[in-house]
Each structure stands twice: as structure tokens, then as C-alpha cells.
PDB file of all heavy atoms in Angstrom:
ATOM      1  N   MET A   1     -15.691 -44.219 -24.427  1.00  0.00           N
ATOM      2  CA  MET A   1     -16.684 -43.989 -25.493  1.00  0.00           C
ATOM      3  C   MET A   1     -16.128 -43.030 -26.527  1.00  0.00           C
ATOM      4  O   MET A   1     -15.678 -41.945 -26.173  1.00  0.00           O
ATOM      5  CB  MET A   1     -17.964 -43.427 -24.849  1.00  0.00           C
ATOM      6  CG  MET A   1     -19.087 -43.246 -25.794  1.00  0.00           C
ATOM      7  SD  MET A   1     -20.588 -42.692 -24.903  1.00  0.00           S
ATOM      8  CE  MET A   1     -21.530 -42.131 -26.307  1.00  0.00           C
ATOM      9  N   THR A   2     -16.142 -43.490 -27.757  1.00  0.00           N
ATOM     10  CA  THR A   2     -15.676 -42.631 -28.845  1.00  0.00           C
ATOM     11  C   THR A   2     -16.773 -42.505 -29.934  1.00  0.00           C
ATOM     12  O   THR A   2     -17.669 -43.333 -30.011  1.00  0.00           O
ATOM     13  CB  THR A   2     -14.391 -43.132 -29.517  1.00  0.00           C
ATOM     14  OG1 THR A   2     -14.671 -44.420 -30.142  1.00  0.00           O
ATOM     15  CG2 THR A   2     -13.257 -43.297 -28.497  1.00  0.00           C
ATOM     16  N   GLU A   3     -16.631 -41.483 -30.756  1.00  0.00           N
ATOM     17  CA  GLU A   3     -17.547 -41.337 -31.886  1.00  0.00           C
ATOM     18  C   GLU A   3     -16.814 -40.623 -33.002  1.00  0.00           C
ATOM     19  O   GLU A   3     -15.751 -39.996 -32.785  1.00  0.00           O
ATOM     20  CB  GLU A   3     -18.832 -40.658 -31.526  1.00  0.00           C
ATOM     21  CG  GLU A   3     -18.698 -39.167 -31.205  1.00  0.00           C
ATOM     22  CD  GLU A   3     -20.033 -38.535 -30.920  1.00  0.00           C
ATOM     23  OE1 GLU A   3     -20.855 -38.374 -31.868  1.00  0.00           O
ATOM     24  OE2 GLU A   3     -20.287 -38.191 -29.749  1.00  0.00           O
ATOM     25  N   ILE A   4     -17.351 -40.571 -34.195  1.00  0.00           N
ATOM     26  CA  ILE A   4     -16.838 -39.879 -35.316  1.00  0.00           C
ATOM     27  C   ILE A   4     -17.640 -38.565 -35.516  1.00  0.00           C
ATOM     28  O   ILE A   4     -18.864 -38.647 -35.528  1.00  0.00           O
ATOM     29  CB  ILE A   4     -16.906 -40.747 -36.638  1.00  0.00           C
ATOM     30  CG1 ILE A   4     -16.146 -42.049 -36.445  1.00  0.00           C
ATOM     31  CG2 ILE A   4     -16.398 -39.934 -37.824  1.00  0.00           C
ATOM     32  CD1 ILE A   4     -14.678 -41.881 -36.196  1.00  0.00           C
ATOM     33  N   VAL A   5     -16.936 -37.464 -35.660  1.00  0.00           N
ATOM     34  CA  VAL A   5     -17.564 -36.166 -35.866  1.00  0.00           C
ATOM     35  C   VAL A   5     -17.030 -35.628 -37.207  1.00  0.00           C
ATOM     36  O   VAL A   5     -15.865 -35.726 -37.455  1.00  0.00           O
ATOM     37  CB  VAL A   5     -17.218 -35.206 -34.720  1.00  0.00           C
ATOM     38  CG1 VAL A   5     -17.790 -33.833 -34.962  1.00  0.00           C
ATOM     39  CG2 VAL A   5     -17.644 -35.780 -33.374  1.00  0.00           C
ATOM     40  N   THR A   6     -17.892 -35.061 -38.008  1.00  0.00           N
ATOM     41  CA  THR A   6     -17.459 -34.472 -39.271  1.00  0.00           C
ATOM     42  C   THR A   6     -17.968 -33.047 -39.366  1.00  0.00           C
ATOM     43  O   THR A   6     -18.932 -32.646 -38.702  1.00  0.00           O
ATOM     44  CB  THR A   6     -17.996 -35.291 -40.494  1.00  0.00           C
ATOM     45  OG1 THR A   6     -19.421 -35.261 -40.451  1.00  0.00           O
ATOM     46  CG2 THR A   6     -17.506 -36.694 -40.483  1.00  0.00           C
ATOM     47  N   GLY A   7     -17.317 -32.264 -40.233  1.00  0.00           N
ATOM     48  CA  GLY A   7     -17.760 -30.882 -40.411  1.00  0.00           C
ATOM     49  C   GLY A   7     -16.855 -30.154 -41.367  1.00  0.00           C
ATOM     50  O   GLY A   7     -16.013 -30.747 -42.058  1.00  0.00           O
ATOM     51  N   ILE A   8     -17.029 -28.843 -41.412  1.00  0.00           N
ATOM     52  CA  ILE A   8     -16.240 -27.950 -42.267  1.00  0.00           C
ATOM     53  C   ILE A   8     -15.686 -26.865 -41.384  1.00  0.00           C
ATOM     54  O   ILE A   8     -16.368 -26.330 -40.504  1.00  0.00           O
ATOM     55  CB  ILE A   8     -17.127 -27.358 -43.372  1.00  0.00           C
ATOM     56  CG1 ILE A   8     -17.657 -28.467 -44.267  1.00  0.00           C
ATOM     57  CG2 ILE A   8     -16.329 -26.344 -44.196  1.00  0.00           C
ATOM     58  CD1 ILE A   8     -18.662 -27.997 -45.308  1.00  0.00           C
ATOM     59  N   VAL A   9     -14.448 -26.505 -41.650  1.00  0.00           N
ATOM     60  CA  VAL A   9     -13.788 -25.405 -40.952  1.00  0.00           C
ATOM     61  C   VAL A   9     -13.169 -24.484 -41.984  1.00  0.00           C
ATOM     62  O   VAL A   9     -12.684 -24.882 -43.010  1.00  0.00           O
ATOM     63  CB  VAL A   9     -12.730 -25.937 -39.943  1.00  0.00           C
ATOM     64  CG1 VAL A   9     -11.627 -26.700 -40.655  1.00  0.00           C
ATOM     65  CG2 VAL A   9     -12.156 -24.844 -39.072  1.00  0.00           C
ATOM     66  N   ILE A  10     -13.206 -23.156 -41.700  1.00  0.00           N
ATOM     67  CA  ILE A  10     -12.603 -22.131 -42.558  1.00  0.00           C
ATOM     68  C   ILE A  10     -11.335 -21.666 -41.873  1.00  0.00           C
ATOM     69  O   ILE A  10     -11.345 -21.271 -40.740  1.00  0.00           O
ATOM     70  CB  ILE A  10     -13.558 -20.926 -42.709  1.00  0.00           C
ATOM     71  CG1 ILE A  10     -14.930 -21.362 -43.223  1.00  0.00           C
ATOM     72  CG2 ILE A  10     -12.926 -19.870 -43.595  1.00  0.00           C
ATOM     73  CD1 ILE A  10     -14.968 -21.926 -44.592  1.00  0.00           C
ATOM     74  N   ALA A  11     -10.231 -21.721 -42.600  1.00  0.00           N
ATOM     75  CA  ALA A  11      -8.933 -21.313 -42.082  1.00  0.00           C
ATOM     76  C   ALA A  11      -7.980 -20.971 -43.229  1.00  0.00           C
ATOM     77  O   ALA A  11      -8.206 -21.330 -44.388  1.00  0.00           O
ATOM     78  CB  ALA A  11      -8.319 -22.453 -41.243  1.00  0.00           C
ATOM     79  N   ALA A  12      -6.895 -20.286 -42.870  1.00  0.00           N
ATOM     80  CA  ALA A  12      -5.917 -19.897 -43.875  1.00  0.00           C
ATOM     81  C   ALA A  12      -4.948 -20.989 -44.212  1.00  0.00           C
ATOM     82  O   ALA A  12      -4.449 -21.118 -45.305  1.00  0.00           O
ATOM     83  CB  ALA A  12      -5.146 -18.653 -43.403  1.00  0.00           C
ATOM     84  N   THR A  13      -4.681 -21.871 -43.195  1.00  0.00           N
ATOM     85  CA  THR A  13      -3.698 -22.945 -43.415  1.00  0.00           C
ATOM     86  C   THR A  13      -4.252 -24.240 -42.797  1.00  0.00           C
ATOM     87  O   THR A  13      -5.177 -24.209 -41.979  1.00  0.00           O
ATOM     88  CB  THR A  13      -2.357 -22.631 -42.763  1.00  0.00           C
ATOM     89  OG1 THR A  13      -2.567 -22.537 -41.320  1.00  0.00           O
ATOM     90  CG2 THR A  13      -1.753 -21.337 -43.260  1.00  0.00           C
ATOM     91  N   ARG A  14      -3.659 -25.372 -43.184  1.00  0.00           N
ATOM     92  CA  ARG A  14      -4.054 -26.629 -42.610  1.00  0.00           C
ATOM     93  C   ARG A  14      -3.783 -26.646 -41.084  1.00  0.00           C
ATOM     94  O   ARG A  14      -4.602 -27.176 -40.320  1.00  0.00           O
ATOM     95  CB  ARG A  14      -3.290 -27.803 -43.282  1.00  0.00           C
ATOM     96  CG  ARG A  14      -3.649 -27.995 -44.700  1.00  0.00           C
ATOM     97  CD  ARG A  14      -2.867 -29.131 -45.341  1.00  0.00           C
ATOM     98  NE  ARG A  14      -3.363 -30.443 -44.919  1.00  0.00           N
ATOM     99  CZ  ARG A  14      -4.437 -31.060 -45.389  1.00  0.00           C
ATOM    100  NH1 ARG A  14      -5.128 -30.496 -46.348  1.00  0.00           N
ATOM    101  NH2 ARG A  14      -4.783 -32.227 -44.947  1.00  0.00           N
ATOM    102  N   ARG A  15      -2.656 -26.076 -40.699  1.00  0.00           N
ATOM    103  CA  ARG A  15      -2.338 -26.021 -39.280  1.00  0.00           C
ATOM    104  C   ARG A  15      -3.381 -25.264 -38.453  1.00  0.00           C
ATOM    105  O   ARG A  15      -3.795 -25.703 -37.400  1.00  0.00           O
ATOM    106  CB  ARG A  15      -0.947 -25.422 -39.125  1.00  0.00           C
ATOM    107  CG  ARG A  15      -0.491 -25.380 -37.695  1.00  0.00           C
ATOM    108  CD  ARG A  15       0.897 -24.810 -37.618  1.00  0.00           C
ATOM    109  NE  ARG A  15       1.376 -24.895 -36.256  1.00  0.00           N
ATOM    110  CZ  ARG A  15       2.646 -24.765 -35.865  1.00  0.00           C
ATOM    111  NH1 ARG A  15       3.541 -24.524 -36.786  1.00  0.00           N
ATOM    112  NH2 ARG A  15       2.968 -24.838 -34.628  1.00  0.00           N
ATOM    113  N   GLU A  16      -3.765 -24.118 -39.003  1.00  0.00           N
ATOM    114  CA  GLU A  16      -4.792 -23.332 -38.341  1.00  0.00           C
ATOM    115  C   GLU A  16      -6.117 -24.109 -38.295  1.00  0.00           C
ATOM    116  O   GLU A  16      -6.836 -24.064 -37.295  1.00  0.00           O
ATOM    117  CB  GLU A  16      -5.009 -22.001 -39.050  1.00  0.00           C
ATOM    118  CG  GLU A  16      -6.037 -21.111 -38.439  1.00  0.00           C
ATOM    119  CD  GLU A  16      -6.324 -19.819 -39.206  1.00  0.00           C
ATOM    120  OE1 GLU A  16      -5.678 -19.551 -40.232  1.00  0.00           O
ATOM    121  OE2 GLU A  16      -7.233 -19.077 -38.792  1.00  0.00           O
ATOM    122  N   ALA A  17      -6.449 -24.814 -39.359  1.00  0.00           N
ATOM    123  CA  ALA A  17      -7.681 -25.607 -39.389  1.00  0.00           C
ATOM    124  C   ALA A  17      -7.650 -26.665 -38.291  1.00  0.00           C
ATOM    125  O   ALA A  17      -8.657 -26.846 -37.585  1.00  0.00           O
ATOM    126  CB  ALA A  17      -7.831 -26.254 -40.781  1.00  0.00           C
ATOM    127  N   LEU A  18      -6.523 -27.335 -38.142  1.00  0.00           N
ATOM    128  CA  LEU A  18      -6.427 -28.366 -37.090  1.00  0.00           C
ATOM    129  C   LEU A  18      -6.567 -27.739 -35.712  1.00  0.00           C
ATOM    130  O   LEU A  18      -7.231 -28.300 -34.839  1.00  0.00           O
ATOM    131  CB  LEU A  18      -5.051 -29.092 -37.209  1.00  0.00           C
ATOM    132  CG  LEU A  18      -4.908 -30.103 -38.277  1.00  0.00           C
ATOM    133  CD1 LEU A  18      -3.509 -30.571 -38.414  1.00  0.00           C
ATOM    134  CD2 LEU A  18      -5.858 -31.304 -38.043  1.00  0.00           C
ATOM    135  N   GLN A  19      -5.977 -26.599 -35.508  1.00  0.00           N
ATOM    136  CA  GLN A  19      -6.065 -25.907 -34.210  1.00  0.00           C
ATOM    137  C   GLN A  19      -7.530 -25.506 -33.930  1.00  0.00           C
ATOM    138  O   GLN A  19      -8.024 -25.658 -32.818  1.00  0.00           O
ATOM    139  CB  GLN A  19      -5.186 -24.685 -34.153  1.00  0.00           C
ATOM    140  CG  GLN A  19      -3.712 -25.041 -34.140  1.00  0.00           C
ATOM    141  CD  GLN A  19      -2.821 -23.814 -34.304  1.00  0.00           C
ATOM    142  OE1 GLN A  19      -3.240 -22.774 -34.776  1.00  0.00           O
ATOM    143  NE2 GLN A  19      -1.552 -23.975 -33.920  1.00  0.00           N
ATOM    144  N   ARG A  20      -8.211 -25.008 -34.948  1.00  0.00           N
ATOM    145  CA  ARG A  20      -9.622 -24.558 -34.764  1.00  0.00           C
ATOM    146  C   ARG A  20     -10.513 -25.767 -34.475  1.00  0.00           C
ATOM    147  O   ARG A  20     -11.380 -25.705 -33.616  1.00  0.00           O
ATOM    148  CB  ARG A  20     -10.130 -23.849 -36.006  1.00  0.00           C
ATOM    149  CG  ARG A  20      -9.550 -22.437 -36.121  1.00  0.00           C
ATOM    150  CD  ARG A  20     -10.117 -21.718 -37.291  1.00  0.00           C
ATOM    151  NE  ARG A  20      -9.540 -20.381 -37.371  1.00  0.00           N
ATOM    152  CZ  ARG A  20     -10.127 -19.378 -37.939  1.00  0.00           C
ATOM    153  NH1 ARG A  20     -11.269 -19.518 -38.548  1.00  0.00           N
ATOM    154  NH2 ARG A  20      -9.526 -18.212 -37.973  1.00  0.00           N
ATOM    155  N   VAL A  21     -10.315 -26.869 -35.221  1.00  0.00           N
ATOM    156  CA  VAL A  21     -11.128 -28.070 -34.947  1.00  0.00           C
ATOM    157  C   VAL A  21     -10.898 -28.577 -33.545  1.00  0.00           C
ATOM    158  O   VAL A  21     -11.867 -28.863 -32.827  1.00  0.00           O
ATOM    159  CB  VAL A  21     -10.786 -29.161 -35.998  1.00  0.00           C
ATOM    160  CG1 VAL A  21     -11.428 -30.496 -35.617  1.00  0.00           C
ATOM    161  CG2 VAL A  21     -11.281 -28.728 -37.407  1.00  0.00           C
ATOM    162  N   GLY A  22      -9.626 -28.680 -33.150  1.00  0.00           N
ATOM    163  CA  GLY A  22      -9.319 -29.137 -31.778  1.00  0.00           C
ATOM    164  C   GLY A  22      -9.929 -28.281 -30.745  1.00  0.00           C
ATOM    165  O   GLY A  22     -10.539 -28.810 -29.744  1.00  0.00           O
ATOM    166  N   SER A  23      -9.814 -26.994 -30.864  1.00  0.00           N
ATOM    167  CA  SER A  23     -10.362 -26.068 -29.864  1.00  0.00           C
ATOM    168  C   SER A  23     -11.908 -26.176 -29.795  1.00  0.00           C
ATOM    169  O   SER A  23     -12.457 -26.174 -28.697  1.00  0.00           O
ATOM    170  CB  SER A  23     -10.003 -24.616 -30.201  1.00  0.00           C
ATOM    171  OG  SER A  23      -8.616 -24.456 -30.111  1.00  0.00           O
ATOM    172  N   ALA A  24     -12.554 -26.247 -30.952  1.00  0.00           N
ATOM    173  CA  ALA A  24     -14.022 -26.320 -30.954  1.00  0.00           C
ATOM    174  C   ALA A  24     -14.492 -27.655 -30.332  1.00  0.00           C
ATOM    175  O   ALA A  24     -15.475 -27.628 -29.588  1.00  0.00           O
ATOM    176  CB  ALA A  24     -14.493 -26.210 -32.389  1.00  0.00           C
ATOM    177  N   LEU A  25     -13.812 -28.727 -30.637  1.00  0.00           N
ATOM    178  CA  LEU A  25     -14.218 -30.024 -30.053  1.00  0.00           C
ATOM    179  C   LEU A  25     -14.027 -30.022 -28.558  1.00  0.00           C
ATOM    180  O   LEU A  25     -14.883 -30.475 -27.807  1.00  0.00           O
ATOM    181  CB  LEU A  25     -13.455 -31.165 -30.701  1.00  0.00           C
ATOM    182  CG  LEU A  25     -13.762 -31.401 -32.190  1.00  0.00           C
ATOM    183  CD1 LEU A  25     -12.809 -32.420 -32.793  1.00  0.00           C
ATOM    184  CD2 LEU A  25     -15.216 -31.845 -32.368  1.00  0.00           C
ATOM    185  N   ARG A  26     -12.894 -29.510 -28.116  1.00  0.00           N
ATOM    186  CA  ARG A  26     -12.628 -29.492 -26.656  1.00  0.00           C
ATOM    187  C   ARG A  26     -13.640 -28.592 -25.925  1.00  0.00           C
ATOM    188  O   ARG A  26     -14.051 -28.907 -24.784  1.00  0.00           O
ATOM    189  CB  ARG A  26     -11.189 -28.999 -26.376  1.00  0.00           C
ATOM    190  CG  ARG A  26     -10.181 -30.041 -26.692  1.00  0.00           C
ATOM    191  CD  ARG A  26      -8.730 -29.620 -26.286  1.00  0.00           C
ATOM    192  NE  ARG A  26      -7.806 -30.465 -26.902  1.00  0.00           N
ATOM    193  CZ  ARG A  26      -7.203 -30.258 -28.084  1.00  0.00           C
ATOM    194  NH1 ARG A  26      -7.472 -29.127 -28.756  1.00  0.00           N
ATOM    195  NH2 ARG A  26      -6.380 -31.108 -28.587  1.00  0.00           N
ATOM    196  N   ALA A  27     -14.090 -27.536 -26.572  1.00  0.00           N
ATOM    197  CA  ALA A  27     -15.082 -26.654 -25.949  1.00  0.00           C
ATOM    198  C   ALA A  27     -16.429 -27.376 -25.780  1.00  0.00           C
ATOM    199  O   ALA A  27     -17.240 -27.008 -24.898  1.00  0.00           O
ATOM    200  CB  ALA A  27     -15.308 -25.411 -26.826  1.00  0.00           C
ATOM    201  N   ARG A  28     -16.625 -28.420 -26.539  1.00  0.00           N
ATOM    202  CA  ARG A  28     -17.869 -29.194 -26.435  1.00  0.00           C
ATOM    203  C   ARG A  28     -17.675 -30.447 -25.557  1.00  0.00           C
ATOM    204  O   ARG A  28     -18.500 -31.347 -25.523  1.00  0.00           O
ATOM    205  CB  ARG A  28     -18.378 -29.665 -27.793  1.00  0.00           C
ATOM    206  CG  ARG A  28     -18.839 -28.475 -28.636  1.00  0.00           C
ATOM    207  CD  ARG A  28     -19.583 -28.935 -29.898  1.00  0.00           C
ATOM    208  NE  ARG A  28     -18.679 -29.560 -30.842  1.00  0.00           N
ATOM    209  CZ  ARG A  28     -19.079 -30.276 -31.877  1.00  0.00           C
ATOM    210  NH1 ARG A  28     -20.332 -30.429 -32.141  1.00  0.00           N
ATOM    211  NH2 ARG A  28     -18.169 -30.816 -32.709  1.00  0.00           N
ATOM    212  N   GLY A  29     -16.527 -30.525 -24.888  1.00  0.00           N
ATOM    213  CA  GLY A  29     -16.269 -31.656 -23.967  1.00  0.00           C
ATOM    214  C   GLY A  29     -15.796 -32.887 -24.702  1.00  0.00           C
ATOM    215  O   GLY A  29     -15.967 -34.007 -24.181  1.00  0.00           O
ATOM    216  N   LEU A  30     -15.264 -32.756 -25.897  1.00  0.00           N
ATOM    217  CA  LEU A  30     -14.788 -33.865 -26.690  1.00  0.00           C
ATOM    218  C   LEU A  30     -13.285 -33.763 -26.859  1.00  0.00           C
ATOM    219  O   LEU A  30     -12.764 -32.664 -27.122  1.00  0.00           O
ATOM    220  CB  LEU A  30     -15.450 -33.908 -28.077  1.00  0.00           C
ATOM    221  CG  LEU A  30     -16.981 -33.957 -28.070  1.00  0.00           C
ATOM    222  CD1 LEU A  30     -17.483 -33.729 -29.485  1.00  0.00           C
ATOM    223  CD2 LEU A  30     -17.454 -35.261 -27.524  1.00  0.00           C
ATOM    224  N   GLU A  31     -12.552 -34.860 -26.729  1.00  0.00           N
ATOM    225  CA  GLU A  31     -11.125 -34.845 -26.916  1.00  0.00           C
ATOM    226  C   GLU A  31     -10.799 -35.489 -28.260  1.00  0.00           C
ATOM    227  O   GLU A  31     -11.061 -36.659 -28.459  1.00  0.00           O
ATOM    228  CB  GLU A  31     -10.432 -35.606 -25.783  1.00  0.00           C
ATOM    229  CG  GLU A  31      -8.938 -35.564 -25.828  1.00  0.00           C
ATOM    230  CD  GLU A  31      -8.354 -34.151 -25.715  1.00  0.00           C
ATOM    231  OE1 GLU A  31      -8.903 -33.284 -25.030  1.00  0.00           O
ATOM    232  OE2 GLU A  31      -7.330 -33.912 -26.383  1.00  0.00           O
ATOM    233  N   PRO A  32     -10.175 -34.724 -29.178  1.00  0.00           N
ATOM    234  CA  PRO A  32      -9.868 -35.299 -30.498  1.00  0.00           C
ATOM    235  C   PRO A  32      -8.747 -36.335 -30.368  1.00  0.00           C
ATOM    236  O   PRO A  32      -7.699 -36.061 -29.776  1.00  0.00           O
ATOM    237  CB  PRO A  32      -9.400 -34.101 -31.328  1.00  0.00           C
ATOM    238  CG  PRO A  32      -9.188 -32.972 -30.375  1.00  0.00           C
ATOM    239  CD  PRO A  32      -9.861 -33.324 -29.080  1.00  0.00           C
ATOM    240  N   LEU A  33      -9.012 -37.539 -30.912  1.00  0.00           N
ATOM    241  CA  LEU A  33      -7.973 -38.592 -30.913  1.00  0.00           C
ATOM    242  C   LEU A  33      -7.259 -38.668 -32.252  1.00  0.00           C
ATOM    243  O   LEU A  33      -6.074 -38.894 -32.334  1.00  0.00           O
ATOM    244  CB  LEU A  33      -8.648 -39.951 -30.640  1.00  0.00           C
ATOM    245  CG  LEU A  33      -9.433 -40.042 -29.328  1.00  0.00           C
ATOM    246  CD1 LEU A  33     -10.168 -41.350 -29.248  1.00  0.00           C
ATOM    247  CD2 LEU A  33      -8.517 -39.840 -28.131  1.00  0.00           C
ATOM    248  N   ASP A  34      -8.046 -38.419 -33.303  1.00  0.00           N
ATOM    249  CA  ASP A  34      -7.473 -38.446 -34.673  1.00  0.00           C
ATOM    250  C   ASP A  34      -8.307 -37.480 -35.528  1.00  0.00           C
ATOM    251  O   ASP A  34      -9.505 -37.587 -35.554  1.00  0.00           O
ATOM    252  CB  ASP A  34      -7.538 -39.877 -35.224  1.00  0.00           C
ATOM    253  CG  ASP A  34      -6.920 -39.977 -36.617  1.00  0.00           C
ATOM    254  OD1 ASP A  34      -5.806 -39.429 -36.820  1.00  0.00           O
ATOM    255  OD2 ASP A  34      -7.504 -40.605 -37.500  1.00  0.00           O
ATOM    256  N   VAL A  35      -7.625 -36.581 -36.248  1.00  0.00           N
ATOM    257  CA  VAL A  35      -8.334 -35.621 -37.103  1.00  0.00           C
ATOM    258  C   VAL A  35      -7.743 -35.726 -38.516  1.00  0.00           C
ATOM    259  O   VAL A  35      -6.537 -35.687 -38.674  1.00  0.00           O
ATOM    260  CB  VAL A  35      -8.186 -34.164 -36.597  1.00  0.00           C
ATOM    261  CG1 VAL A  35      -8.855 -33.190 -37.538  1.00  0.00           C
ATOM    262  CG2 VAL A  35      -8.747 -34.040 -35.162  1.00  0.00           C
ATOM    263  N   THR A  36      -8.606 -35.840 -39.488  1.00  0.00           N
ATOM    264  CA  THR A  36      -8.220 -35.886 -40.881  1.00  0.00           C
ATOM    265  C   THR A  36      -8.821 -34.658 -41.607  1.00  0.00           C
ATOM    266  O   THR A  36     -10.026 -34.424 -41.438  1.00  0.00           O
ATOM    267  CB  THR A  36      -8.716 -37.194 -41.575  1.00  0.00           C
ATOM    268  OG1 THR A  36      -8.247 -38.309 -40.841  1.00  0.00           O
ATOM    269  CG2 THR A  36      -8.241 -37.281 -43.006  1.00  0.00           C
ATOM    270  N   LEU A  37      -8.014 -33.969 -42.342  1.00  0.00           N
ATOM    271  CA  LEU A  37      -8.461 -32.805 -43.100  1.00  0.00           C
ATOM    272  C   LEU A  37      -8.340 -33.072 -44.619  1.00  0.00           C
ATOM    273  O   LEU A  37      -7.408 -33.726 -45.051  1.00  0.00           O
ATOM    274  CB  LEU A  37      -7.596 -31.582 -42.838  1.00  0.00           C
ATOM    275  CG  LEU A  37      -7.695 -30.892 -41.463  1.00  0.00           C
ATOM    276  CD1 LEU A  37      -6.685 -29.791 -41.408  1.00  0.00           C
ATOM    277  CD2 LEU A  37      -9.070 -30.368 -41.250  1.00  0.00           C
ATOM    278  N   SER A  38      -9.289 -32.530 -45.352  1.00  0.00           N
ATOM    279  CA  SER A  38      -9.157 -32.516 -46.835  1.00  0.00           C
ATOM    280  C   SER A  38      -9.744 -31.187 -47.271  1.00  0.00           C
ATOM    281  O   SER A  38     -10.649 -30.652 -46.670  1.00  0.00           O
ATOM    282  CB  SER A  38      -9.892 -33.685 -47.449  1.00  0.00           C
ATOM    283  OG  SER A  38     -11.272 -33.660 -47.132  1.00  0.00           O
TER     284      SER A  38
END
């Protein structure tokens, strides 16, 4: 079972943003398969 999740993250760099998104999703029991940032 997969789904699309969207949101906003505050970070100093794109790398930090990806790390924060991944950590937050895993904390909710979700495993990120593909993350796109803009």
C-alpha cells in the first residue's frame, strides 16, 4: 500500500530538507520511496 504525501519543510539546504522529510515520515510509520523537493 502506497500513497502520496505533500507538505512544507524548513531547512538550510536541500540535503537537510530531504533528511528532515525522511525522518518525519518514518516517525509516522511511513517509508519514503520517492521524495521530490522544490
